PDB file of N, CA and C in Angstrom:
ATOM      1  N   MET A   1     -47.967  85.529 -41.266  1.00  0.00           N
ATOM      2  CA  MET A   1     -46.935  85.815 -42.298  1.00  0.00           C
ATOM      3  C   MET A   1     -45.921  85.702 -41.750  1.00  0.00           C
ATOM      4  N   ASN A   2     -45.423  85.972 -39.987  1.00  0.00           N
ATOM      5  CA  ASN A   2     -44.110  85.817 -39.810  1.00  0.00           C
ATOM      6  C   ASN A   2     -43.958  84.400 -39.141  1.00  0.00           C
ATOM      7  N   GLU A   3     -44.927  83.800 -38.828  1.00  0.00           N
ATOM      8  CA  GLU A   3     -45.083  81.921 -38.870  1.00  0.00           C
ATOM      9  C   GLU A   3     -44.433  81.238 -40.104  1.00  0.00           C
ATOM     10  N   MET A   4     -44.674  82.114 -41.468  1.00  0.00           N
ATOM     11  CA  MET A   4     -44.385  81.681 -42.762  1.00  0.00           C
ATOM     12  C   MET A   4     -43.179  82.063 -43.204  1.00  0.00           C
ATOM     13  N   MET A   5     -43.052  82.773 -42.791  1.00  0.00           N
ATOM     14  CA  MET A   5     -41.225  83.108 -42.884  1.00  0.00           C
ATOM     15  C   MET A   5     -40.727  82.353 -42.036  1.00  0.00           C
ATOM     16  N   GLU A   6     -41.186  81.859 -41.018  1.00  0.00           N
ATOM     17  CA  GLU A   6     -39.975  81.286 -40.187  1.00  0.00           C
ATOM     18  C   GLU A   6     -39.999  79.581 -40.601  1.00  0.00           C
ATOM     19  N   SER A   7     -41.409  79.088 -41.057  1.00  0.00           N
ATOM     20  CA  SER A   7     -41.285  78.120 -42.159  1.00  0.00           C
ATOM     21  C   SER A   7     -40.077  77.727 -42.798  1.00  0.00           C
ATOM     22  N   ILE A   8     -39.851  79.054 -43.631  1.00  0.00           N
ATOM     23  CA  ILE A   8     -39.114  79.192 -45.003  1.00  0.00           C
ATOM     24  C   ILE A   8     -37.838  78.867 -44.435  1.00  0.00           C
ATOM     25  N   LYS A   9     -37.484  79.914 -43.467  1.00  0.00           N
ATOM     26  CA  LYS A   9     -36.043  79.651 -42.758  1.00  0.00           C
ATOM     27  C   LYS A   9     -35.776  78.839 -42.318  1.00  0.00           C
ATOM     28  N   THR A  10     -36.374  77.766 -41.590  1.00  0.00           N
ATOM     29  CA  THR A  10     -36.232  76.408 -41.101  1.00  0.00           C
ATOM     30  C   THR A  10     -36.068  75.611 -42.231  1.00  0.00           C
ATOM     31  N   TYR A  11     -37.023  75.565 -43.165  1.00  0.00           N
ATOM     32  CA  TYR A  11     -36.865  74.929 -44.640  1.00  0.00           C
ATOM     33  C   TYR A  11     -35.514  74.925 -45.038  1.00  0.00           C
ATOM     34  N   PHE A  12     -34.631  75.825 -45.254  1.00  0.00           N
ATOM     35  CA  PHE A  12     -33.797  76.134 -45.883  1.00  0.00           C
ATOM     36  C   PHE A  12     -32.539  75.962 -44.687  1.00  0.00           C
ATOM     37  N   LYS A  13     -32.646  75.678 -44.155  1.00  0.00           N
ATOM     38  CA  LYS A  13     -31.666  75.866 -42.555  1.00  0.00           C
ATOM     39  C   LYS A  13     -31.654  73.903 -43.239  1.00  0.00           C
ATOM     40  N   GLY A  14     -32.629  73.484 -42.931  1.00  0.00           N
ATOM     41  CA  GLY A  14     -32.360  71.501 -43.521  1.00  0.00           C
ATOM     42  C   GLY A  14     -32.200  71.446 -44.397  1.00  0.00           C
ATOM     43  N   VAL A  15     -32.487  72.362 -45.431  1.00  0.00           N
ATOM     44  CA  VAL A  15     -31.863  72.062 -47.505  1.00  0.00           C
ATOM     45  C   VAL A  15     -30.381  72.601 -46.857  1.00  0.00           C
ATOM     46  N   LYS A  16     -30.362  73.028 -46.451  1.00  0.00           N
ATOM     47  CA  LYS A  16     -28.353  73.284 -45.937  1.00  0.00           C
ATOM     48  C   LYS A  16     -27.794  72.284 -45.564  1.00  0.00           C
ATOM     49  N   ALA A  17     -28.218  72.075 -44.294  1.00  0.00           N
ATOM     50  CA  ALA A  17     -27.396  70.903 -43.496  1.00  0.00           C
ATOM     51  C   ALA A  17     -27.845  69.627 -43.875  1.00  0.00           C
ATOM     52  N   GLU A  18     -28.424  69.099 -45.379  1.00  0.00           N
ATOM     53  CA  GLU A  18     -28.257  67.531 -45.624  1.00  0.00           C
ATOM     54  C   GLU A  18     -27.706  67.696 -47.179  1.00  0.00           C
ATOM     55  N   TRP A  19     -27.349  69.460 -47.838  1.00  0.00           N
ATOM     56  CA  TRP A  19     -26.310  69.376 -48.531  1.00  0.00           C
ATOM     57  C   TRP A  19     -24.950  68.911 -48.057  1.00  0.00           C
ATOM     58  N   GLY A  20     -24.519  69.113 -46.457  1.00  0.00           N
ATOM     59  CA  GLY A  20     -22.889  68.663 -46.610  1.00  0.00           C
ATOM     60  C   GLY A  20     -23.578  67.404 -46.559  1.00  0.00           C
ATOM     61  N   ARG A  21     -24.206  66.411 -46.232  1.00  0.00           N
ATOM     62  CA  ARG A  21     -23.977  65.380 -45.938  1.00  0.00           C
ATOM     63  C   ARG A  21     -24.638  64.384 -47.800  1.00  0.00           C
ATOM     64  N   ILE A  22     -24.223  65.220 -48.723  1.00  0.00           N
ATOM     65  CA  ILE A  22     -24.031  64.362 -49.913  1.00  0.00           C
ATOM     66  C   ILE A  22     -23.069  64.025 -50.308  1.00  0.00           C
ATOM     67  N   SER A  23     -22.624  63.076 -50.597  1.00  0.00           N
ATOM     68  CA  SER A  23     -21.639  62.446 -51.081  1.00  0.00           C
ATOM     69  C   SER A  23     -21.654  62.060 -52.389  1.00  0.00           C
ATOM     70  N   TRP A  24     -21.098  63.145 -53.405  1.00  0.00           N
ATOM     71  CA  TRP A  24     -20.560  63.270 -54.716  1.00  0.00           C
ATOM     72  C   TRP A  24     -19.849  61.831 -54.880  1.00  0.00           C
ATOM     73  N   PRO A  25     -20.122  61.485 -56.490  1.00  0.00           N
ATOM     74  CA  PRO A  25     -19.402  60.247 -56.999  1.00  0.00           C
ATOM     75  C   PRO A  25     -18.502  61.416 -57.579  1.00  0.00           C
ATOM     76  N   GLU A  26     -17.280  60.297 -57.852  1.00  0.00           N
ATOM     77  CA  GLU A  26     -15.643  60.548 -58.250  1.00  0.00           C
ATOM     78  C   GLU A  26     -16.227  61.009 -59.478  1.00  0.00           C
ATOM     79  N   ARG A  27     -15.655  62.131 -60.344  1.00  0.00           N
ATOM     80  CA  ARG A  27     -15.238  62.428 -61.627  1.00  0.00           C
ATOM     81  C   ARG A  27     -15.477  60.744 -62.894  1.00  0.00           C
ATOM     82  N   ARG A  28     -14.299  60.027 -62.713  1.00  0.00           N
ATOM     83  CA  ARG A  28     -14.156  58.831 -63.428  1.00  0.00           C
ATOM     84  C   ARG A  28     -15.485  58.592 -63.253  1.00  0.00           C
ATOM     85  N   GLN A  29     -15.952  57.808 -62.077  1.00  0.00           N
ATOM     86  CA  GLN A  29     -17.617  57.770 -62.338  1.00  0.00           C
ATOM     87  C   GLN A  29     -18.354  58.069 -63.109  1.00  0.00           C
ATOM     88  N   ILE A  30     -18.476  59.265 -63.291  1.00  0.00           N
ATOM     89  CA  ILE A  30     -19.442  59.455 -63.947  1.00  0.00           C
ATOM     90  C   ILE A  30     -19.324  59.950 -65.179  1.00  0.00           C
ATOM     91  N   ILE A  31     -18.310  59.793 -65.436  1.00  0.00           N
ATOM     92  CA  ILE A  31     -17.928  59.546 -67.199  1.00  0.00           C
ATOM     93  C   ILE A  31     -18.373  57.911 -67.453  1.00  0.00           C
ATOM     94  N   ALA A  32     -17.546  57.473 -66.409  1.00  0.00           N
ATOM     95  CA  ALA A  32     -18.043  56.184 -67.252  1.00  0.00           C
ATOM     96  C   ALA A  32     -19.445  55.862 -67.450  1.00  0.00           C
ATOM     97  N   GLU A  33     -20.028  56.691 -66.430  1.00  0.00           N
ATOM     98  CA  GLU A  33     -22.002  56.221 -66.426  1.00  0.00           C
ATOM     99  C   GLU A  33     -22.596  56.518 -67.389  1.00  0.00           C
ATOM    100  N   THR A  34     -21.975  57.886 -68.225  1.00  0.00           N
ATOM    101  CA  THR A  34     -22.126  58.825 -69.195  1.00  0.00           C
ATOM    102  C   THR A  34     -21.850  57.757 -70.525  1.00  0.00           C
ATOM    103  N   VAL A  35     -20.991  57.209 -70.494  1.00  0.00           N
ATOM    104  CA  VAL A  35     -20.359  56.487 -71.770  1.00  0.00           C
ATOM    105  C   VAL A  35     -21.417  55.727 -71.792  1.00  0.00           C
ATOM    106  N   SER A  36     -21.688  55.123 -70.921  1.00  0.00           N
ATOM    107  CA  SER A  36     -22.533  53.583 -70.565  1.00  0.00           C
ATOM    108  C   SER A  36     -24.179  54.102 -71.159  1.00  0.00           C
ATOM    109  N   VAL A  37     -24.400  55.195 -70.580  1.00  0.00           N
ATOM    110  CA  VAL A  37     -25.816  55.681 -71.456  1.00  0.00           C
ATOM    111  C   VAL A  37     -25.913  55.620 -72.642  1.00  0.00           C
ATOM    112  N   ILE A  38     -25.003  56.240 -73.527  1.00  0.00           N
ATOM    113  CA  ILE A  38     -24.472  57.300 -74.870  1.00  0.00           C
ATOM    114  C   ILE A  38     -24.655  55.679 -75.176  1.00  0.00           C
ATOM    115  N   VAL A  39     -23.587  54.777 -75.229  1.00  0.00           N
ATOM    116  CA  VAL A  39     -23.898  53.781 -76.082  1.00  0.00           C
ATOM    117  C   VAL A  39     -24.937  52.902 -75.968  1.00  0.00           C
ATOM    118  N   ILE A  40     -25.064  52.632 -74.545  1.00  0.00           N
ATOM    119  CA  ILE A  40     -27.303  51.995 -74.812  1.00  0.00           C
ATOM    120  C   ILE A  40     -27.726  52.837 -75.338  1.00  0.00           C
ATOM    121  N   VAL A  41     -28.066  54.178 -75.164  1.00  0.00           N
ATOM    122  CA  VAL A  41     -29.327  54.958 -76.328  1.00  0.00           C
ATOM    123  C   VAL A  41     -28.723  54.361 -77.534  1.00  0.00           C
ATOM    124  N   PHE A  42     -27.440  54.201 -77.952  1.00  0.00           N
ATOM    125  CA  PHE A  42     -26.899  54.175 -79.133  1.00  0.00           C
ATOM    126  C   PHE A  42     -27.134  52.890 -79.861  1.00  0.00           C
ATOM    127  N   PHE A  43     -26.934  52.219 -79.269  1.00  0.00           N
ATOM    128  CA  PHE A  43     -28.059  50.562 -79.275  1.00  0.00           C
ATOM    129  C   PHE A  43     -28.778  50.377 -79.222  1.00  0.00           C
ATOM    130  N   PHE A  44     -30.112  51.128 -79.048  1.00  0.00           N
ATOM    131  CA  PHE A  44     -31.353  50.564 -78.662  1.00  0.00           C
ATOM    132  C   PHE A  44     -31.807  51.419 -80.096  1.00  0.00           C
ATOM    133  N   THR A  45     -31.295  52.898 -80.398  1.00  0.00           N
ATOM    134  CA  THR A  45     -31.515  53.942 -81.431  1.00  0.00           C
ATOM    135  C   THR A  45     -31.600  52.679 -83.021  1.00  0.00           C
ATOM    136  N   VAL A  46     -30.268  51.737 -82.687  1.00  0.00           N
ATOM    137  CA  VAL A  46     -29.957  51.149 -84.387  1.00  0.00           C
ATOM    138  C   VAL A  46     -30.927  49.858 -84.218  1.00  0.00           C
ATOM    139  N   ALA A  47     -31.211  49.570 -83.158  1.00  0.00           N
ATOM    140  CA  ALA A  47     -32.160  48.319 -83.235  1.00  0.00           C
ATOM    141  C   ALA A  47     -33.505  49.079 -83.618  1.00  0.00           C
ATOM    142  N   ILE A  48     -34.163  49.945 -83.178  1.00  0.00           N
ATOM    143  CA  ILE A  48     -35.103  50.307 -83.230  1.00  0.00           C
ATOM    144  C   ILE A  48     -35.510  50.892 -84.925  1.00  0.00           C
ATOM    145  N   TYR A  49     -34.505  51.083 -85.156  1.00  0.00           N
ATOM    146  CA  TYR A  49     -34.353  51.966 -86.836  1.00  0.00           C
ATOM    147  C   TYR A  49     -34.263  50.457 -87.511  1.00  0.00           C
ATOM    148  N   CYS A  50     -33.526  49.254 -87.250  1.00  0.00           N
ATOM    149  CA  CYS A  50     -33.748  48.201 -88.367  1.00  0.00           C
ATOM    150  C   CYS A  50     -34.838  47.940 -88.267  1.00  0.00           C
ATOM    151  N   ILE A  51     -35.688  47.616 -87.209  1.00  0.00           N
ATOM    152  CA  ILE A  51     -36.949  46.818 -86.892  1.00  0.00           C
ATOM    153  C   ILE A  51     -37.662  47.911 -87.744  1.00  0.00           C
ATOM    154  N   ASP A  52     -37.556  48.867 -87.540  1.00  0.00           N
ATOM    155  CA  ASP A  52     -38.265  49.720 -88.619  1.00  0.00           C
ATOM    156  C   ASP A  52     -38.591  49.244 -90.009  1.00  0.00           C
ATOM    157  N   LEU A  53     -37.152  49.301 -90.351  1.00  0.00           N
ATOM    158  CA  LEU A  53     -36.916  49.033 -91.373  1.00  0.00           C
ATOM    159  C   LEU A  53     -37.782  47.860 -91.710  1.00  0.00           C
ATOM    160  N   LEU A  54     -37.387  46.520 -90.931  1.00  0.00           N
ATOM    161  CA  LEU A  54     -37.662  45.365 -91.061  1.00  0.00           C
ATOM    162  C   LEU A  54     -39.558  45.471 -91.764  1.00  0.00           C
ATOM    163  N   PHE A  55     -40.599  45.741 -90.881  1.00  0.00           N
ATOM    164  CA  PHE A  55     -41.588  45.840 -90.561  1.00  0.00           C
ATOM    165  C   PHE A  55     -42.265  47.187 -91.994  1.00  0.00           C
ATOM    166  N   LYS A  56     -41.467  47.763 -92.744  1.00  0.00           N
ATOM    167  CA  LYS A  56     -41.743  48.878 -93.192  1.00  0.00           C
ATOM    168  C   LYS A  56     -41.238  47.572 -94.880  1.00  0.00           C
ATOM    169  N   GLY A  57     -40.081  47.218 -94.650  1.00  0.00           N
ATOM    170  CA  GLY A  57     -40.309  45.908 -96.003  1.00  0.00           C
ATOM    171  C   GLY A  57     -41.352  45.022 -96.225  1.00  0.00           C
ATOM    172  N   LEU A  58     -42.036  44.679 -95.172  1.00  0.00           N
ATOM    173  CA  LEU A  58     -43.233  43.482 -94.849  1.00  0.00           C
ATOM    174  C   LEU A  58     -44.162  44.299 -94.916  1.00  0.00           C
ATOM    175  N   LEU A  59     -44.390  45.086 -94.741  1.00  0.00           N
ATOM    176  CA  LEU A  59     -45.788  45.856 -94.469  1.00  0.00           C
ATOM    177  C   LEU A  59     -45.884  45.910 -96.689  1.00  0.00           C
ATOM    178  N   SER A  60     -44.623  46.461 -97.199  1.00  0.00           N
ATOM    179  CA  SER A  60     -44.831  46.608 -98.745  1.00  0.00           C
ATOM    180  C   SER A  60     -44.995  45.563 -99.738  1.00  0.00           C
ATOM    181  N   LEU A  61     -44.436  44.372 -98.917  1.00  0.00           N
ATOM    182  CA  LEU A  61     -44.596  43.537 -99.253  1.00  0.00           C
ATOM    183  C   LEU A  61     -46.402  43.280 -99.238  1.00  0.00           C
ATOM    184  N   ILE A  62     -47.486  43.290 -98.144  1.00  0.00           N
ATOM    185  CA  ILE A  62     -48.424  43.151 -97.918  1.00  0.00           C
ATOM    186  C   ILE A  62     -49.463  44.082 -99.370  1.00  0.00           C
ATOM    187  N   LYS A  63     -49.298  45.308 -99.176  1.00  0.00           N
ATOM    188  CA  LYS A  63     -49.229  46.128-100.367  1.00  0.00           C
ATOM    189  C   LYS A  63     -49.803  45.594-101.516  1.00  0.00           C
TER     190      LYS A  63
END
């Protein structure tokens, strides 16, 4: 049991050491990337919706 507690302590010491080495992106970069993701998701959503309408129209011609 004591060995397990020491392993857990060692693990969290390692986590704390690595946490200090993280290079966090700047706020401007985060905002720009977030906006890019939102625009891309919106574009693909509209594209899939249009393709869905196209297939729906084509299938209605078959029936």
